[in-house]
Amino acid sequence: MLIYYNMGVKTISVNDEVYRTLAQVKRADESFSDLIRRLLSAKGASLKDYFGALKDSKCLDGIDEHVRAVRSSAKVRG
């Protein structure tokens, strides 16, 4: 158990998409501060820890569109 004394509280702003992503990754027994501390201190974290974290994110649509555009503009070597 970690005990912190004289720890101040700061308010930060994140957009709704980031909040939802953090909420999906947050464990039931941890605060958002605990989550951020865990994510920042993770060394050698496995990608599977974050698998599906962006499944409902609109940024994936943009990435998919970009990949399709790059593939369609690629020239075939021959």
N, C-alpha and C. Protein backbone atom coordinates (compact mmCIF):
# COMPACT_ATOMS: atom_id res chain seq x y z
N MET A 1 0.84 -1.18 0.00
CA MET A 1 0.00 0.00 0.00
C MET A 1 0.88 1.24 0.00
N LEU A 2 0.61 2.15 -0.91
CA LEU A 2 1.37 3.39 -0.99
C LEU A 2 0.64 4.48 -0.24
N ILE A 3 1.37 5.22 0.56
CA ILE A 3 0.78 6.34 1.30
C ILE A 3 1.52 7.60 0.88
N TYR A 4 0.80 8.60 0.44
CA TYR A 4 1.38 9.86 0.03
C TYR A 4 0.88 10.95 0.97
N TYR A 5 1.79 11.71 1.49
CA TYR A 5 1.45 12.82 2.37
C TYR A 5 1.70 14.13 1.63
N ASN A 6 0.90 15.13 1.96
CA ASN A 6 1.06 16.46 1.37
C ASN A 6 0.97 16.44 -0.15
N MET A 7 0.13 15.59 -0.68
CA MET A 7 -0.05 15.53 -2.12
C MET A 7 -1.15 16.52 -2.51
N GLY A 8 -0.83 17.44 -3.38
CA GLY A 8 -1.82 18.39 -3.86
C GLY A 8 -2.69 17.75 -4.92
N VAL A 9 -3.75 18.42 -5.26
CA VAL A 9 -4.64 17.95 -6.31
C VAL A 9 -4.62 18.97 -7.43
N LYS A 10 -4.47 18.49 -8.64
CA LYS A 10 -4.47 19.34 -9.84
C LYS A 10 -5.58 18.87 -10.75
N THR A 11 -6.19 19.79 -11.42
CA THR A 11 -7.22 19.48 -12.39
C THR A 11 -6.61 19.55 -13.78
N ILE A 12 -6.83 18.51 -14.58
CA ILE A 12 -6.38 18.51 -15.96
C ILE A 12 -7.59 18.32 -16.86
N SER A 13 -7.48 18.77 -18.08
CA SER A 13 -8.56 18.61 -19.04
C SER A 13 -8.16 17.62 -20.11
N VAL A 14 -9.07 16.72 -20.42
CA VAL A 14 -8.90 15.80 -21.53
C VAL A 14 -10.19 15.80 -22.31
N ASN A 15 -10.10 15.53 -23.61
CA ASN A 15 -11.34 15.51 -24.39
C ASN A 15 -12.13 14.23 -24.08
N ASP A 16 -13.36 14.19 -24.51
CA ASP A 16 -14.25 13.06 -24.19
C ASP A 16 -13.70 11.73 -24.68
N GLU A 17 -13.08 11.73 -25.85
CA GLU A 17 -12.55 10.48 -26.41
C GLU A 17 -11.43 9.93 -25.54
N VAL A 18 -10.54 10.81 -25.08
CA VAL A 18 -9.44 10.38 -24.21
C VAL A 18 -10.00 9.88 -22.88
N TYR A 19 -10.98 10.59 -22.34
CA TYR A 19 -11.59 10.16 -21.08
C TYR A 19 -12.19 8.76 -21.20
N ARG A 20 -12.94 8.54 -22.29
CA ARG A 20 -13.56 7.22 -22.48
C ARG A 20 -12.50 6.12 -22.61
N THR A 21 -11.41 6.43 -23.32
CA THR A 21 -10.34 5.46 -23.48
C THR A 21 -9.70 5.15 -22.13
N LEU A 22 -9.42 6.18 -21.35
CA LEU A 22 -8.85 5.96 -20.01
C LEU A 22 -9.81 5.17 -19.14
N ALA A 23 -11.09 5.50 -19.21
CA ALA A 23 -12.08 4.79 -18.39
C ALA A 23 -12.16 3.31 -18.76
N GLN A 24 -11.96 2.99 -20.03
CA GLN A 24 -11.98 1.58 -20.46
C GLN A 24 -10.79 0.81 -19.93
N VAL A 25 -9.65 1.49 -19.78
CA VAL A 25 -8.42 0.84 -19.34
C VAL A 25 -8.32 0.79 -17.81
N LYS A 26 -9.01 1.71 -17.16
CA LYS A 26 -8.93 1.83 -15.70
C LYS A 26 -9.50 0.59 -15.03
N ARG A 27 -8.79 0.10 -14.04
CA ARG A 27 -9.25 -1.05 -13.27
C ARG A 27 -10.27 -0.59 -12.24
N ALA A 28 -11.14 -1.49 -11.84
CA ALA A 28 -12.22 -1.15 -10.91
C ALA A 28 -11.70 -0.64 -9.57
N ASP A 29 -10.54 -1.13 -9.16
CA ASP A 29 -10.02 -0.78 -7.83
C ASP A 29 -9.01 0.37 -7.85
N GLU A 30 -8.91 1.11 -8.97
CA GLU A 30 -7.94 2.21 -9.01
C GLU A 30 -8.60 3.52 -9.41
N SER A 31 -8.01 4.60 -8.93
CA SER A 31 -8.47 5.93 -9.30
C SER A 31 -7.83 6.31 -10.63
N PHE A 32 -8.27 7.42 -11.21
CA PHE A 32 -7.64 7.87 -12.44
C PHE A 32 -6.18 8.25 -12.18
N SER A 33 -5.88 8.78 -11.00
CA SER A 33 -4.49 9.09 -10.66
C SER A 33 -3.66 7.81 -10.63
N ASP A 34 -4.22 6.76 -10.04
CA ASP A 34 -3.52 5.47 -10.00
C ASP A 34 -3.29 4.95 -11.42
N LEU A 35 -4.32 5.07 -12.26
CA LEU A 35 -4.21 4.61 -13.65
C LEU A 35 -3.10 5.35 -14.38
N ILE A 36 -3.09 6.66 -14.28
CA ILE A 36 -2.07 7.46 -14.98
C ILE A 36 -0.69 7.11 -14.46
N ARG A 37 -0.56 6.96 -13.14
CA ARG A 37 0.73 6.57 -12.56
C ARG A 37 1.17 5.21 -13.10
N ARG A 38 0.23 4.26 -13.18
CA ARG A 38 0.54 2.91 -13.68
C ARG A 38 0.98 2.97 -15.14
N LEU A 39 0.25 3.74 -15.96
CA LEU A 39 0.59 3.83 -17.38
C LEU A 39 1.94 4.51 -17.60
N LEU A 40 2.21 5.54 -16.81
CA LEU A 40 3.48 6.26 -16.97
C LEU A 40 4.67 5.46 -16.47
N SER A 41 4.44 4.59 -15.51
CA SER A 41 5.56 3.84 -14.95
C SER A 41 5.73 2.46 -15.57
N ALA A 42 4.83 2.10 -16.46
CA ALA A 42 4.89 0.77 -17.08
C ALA A 42 6.14 0.63 -17.92
N LYS A 43 6.96 -0.31 -17.57
CA LYS A 43 8.15 -0.62 -18.35
C LYS A 43 7.98 -2.02 -18.88
N GLY A 44 8.18 -2.17 -20.16
CA GLY A 44 8.02 -3.48 -20.75
C GLY A 44 6.56 -3.93 -20.80
N ALA A 45 5.65 -2.97 -20.82
CA ALA A 45 4.23 -3.32 -20.88
C ALA A 45 3.94 -4.03 -22.20
N SER A 46 3.05 -4.95 -22.14
CA SER A 46 2.67 -5.71 -23.32
C SER A 46 1.59 -4.95 -24.09
N LEU A 47 1.66 -5.00 -25.40
CA LEU A 47 0.63 -4.37 -26.21
C LEU A 47 -0.75 -4.97 -25.96
N LYS A 48 -0.78 -6.23 -25.56
CA LYS A 48 -2.09 -6.84 -25.33
C LYS A 48 -2.80 -6.22 -24.13
N ASP A 49 -2.07 -5.51 -23.26
CA ASP A 49 -2.71 -4.79 -22.16
C ASP A 49 -3.64 -3.70 -22.69
N TYR A 50 -3.34 -3.22 -23.90
CA TYR A 50 -4.11 -2.12 -24.48
C TYR A 50 -4.96 -2.56 -25.66
N PHE A 51 -5.00 -3.85 -25.93
CA PHE A 51 -5.76 -4.38 -27.06
C PHE A 51 -7.23 -3.98 -26.92
N GLY A 52 -7.77 -3.38 -27.94
CA GLY A 52 -9.18 -2.99 -27.95
C GLY A 52 -9.45 -1.64 -27.33
N ALA A 53 -8.44 -0.97 -26.79
CA ALA A 53 -8.66 0.31 -26.12
C ALA A 53 -9.23 1.37 -27.07
N LEU A 54 -8.93 1.26 -28.35
CA LEU A 54 -9.40 2.25 -29.32
C LEU A 54 -10.50 1.72 -30.24
N LYS A 55 -11.12 0.62 -29.86
CA LYS A 55 -12.07 -0.01 -30.77
C LYS A 55 -13.23 0.89 -31.15
N ASP A 56 -13.62 1.81 -30.28
CA ASP A 56 -14.73 2.71 -30.59
C ASP A 56 -14.26 4.11 -30.95
N SER A 57 -12.96 4.24 -31.19
CA SER A 57 -12.38 5.55 -31.47
C SER A 57 -12.55 5.93 -32.94
N LYS A 58 -12.93 7.17 -33.18
CA LYS A 58 -13.07 7.64 -34.55
C LYS A 58 -11.72 7.83 -35.23
N CYS A 59 -10.65 7.91 -34.44
CA CYS A 59 -9.33 8.09 -35.06
C CYS A 59 -8.96 6.87 -35.90
N LEU A 60 -9.49 5.70 -35.58
CA LEU A 60 -9.20 4.51 -36.38
C LEU A 60 -9.80 4.63 -37.78
N ASP A 61 -10.94 5.31 -37.90
CA ASP A 61 -11.53 5.52 -39.22
C ASP A 61 -10.60 6.35 -40.10
N GLY A 62 -10.00 7.38 -39.50
CA GLY A 62 -9.07 8.22 -40.24
C GLY A 62 -7.83 7.46 -40.67
N ILE A 63 -7.34 6.61 -39.79
CA ILE A 63 -6.16 5.80 -40.13
C ILE A 63 -6.50 4.85 -41.26
N ASP A 64 -7.66 4.21 -41.19
CA ASP A 64 -8.08 3.28 -42.23
C ASP A 64 -8.19 4.00 -43.58
N GLU A 65 -8.78 5.19 -43.58
CA GLU A 65 -8.91 5.96 -44.82
C GLU A 65 -7.54 6.31 -45.38
N HIS A 66 -6.63 6.70 -44.51
CA HIS A 66 -5.28 7.05 -44.95
C HIS A 66 -4.56 5.84 -45.55
N VAL A 67 -4.65 4.71 -44.90
CA VAL A 67 -4.01 3.48 -45.40
C VAL A 67 -4.57 3.11 -46.77
N ARG A 68 -5.88 3.20 -46.92
CA ARG A 68 -6.49 2.88 -48.23
C ARG A 68 -6.01 3.83 -49.32
N ALA A 69 -5.89 5.13 -48.97
CA ALA A 69 -5.43 6.11 -49.95
C ALA A 69 -3.99 5.85 -50.35
N VAL A 70 -3.14 5.51 -49.39
CA VAL A 70 -1.74 5.22 -49.69
C VAL A 70 -1.63 3.97 -50.55
N ARG A 71 -2.39 2.95 -50.21
CA ARG A 71 -2.34 1.71 -51.00
C ARG A 71 -2.84 1.91 -52.41
N SER A 72 -3.88 2.71 -52.57
CA SER A 72 -4.43 2.90 -53.92
C SER A 72 -3.50 3.76 -54.78
N SER A 73 -2.69 4.59 -54.15
CA SER A 73 -1.77 5.43 -54.93
C SER A 73 -0.42 4.78 -55.16
N ALA A 74 -0.17 3.64 -54.54
CA ALA A 74 1.12 2.95 -54.70
C ALA A 74 1.24 2.36 -56.09
N LYS A 75 2.41 2.44 -56.62
CA LYS A 75 2.68 1.86 -57.94
C LYS A 75 3.23 0.47 -57.75
N VAL A 76 2.78 -0.44 -58.59
CA VAL A 76 3.25 -1.82 -58.54
C VAL A 76 4.56 -1.92 -59.31
N ARG A 77 5.56 -2.51 -58.66
CA ARG A 77 6.85 -2.71 -59.35
C ARG A 77 6.73 -3.94 -60.24
N GLY A 78 7.33 -3.85 -61.37
CA GLY A 78 7.22 -5.02 -62.21
C GLY A 78 8.17 -5.11 -63.28
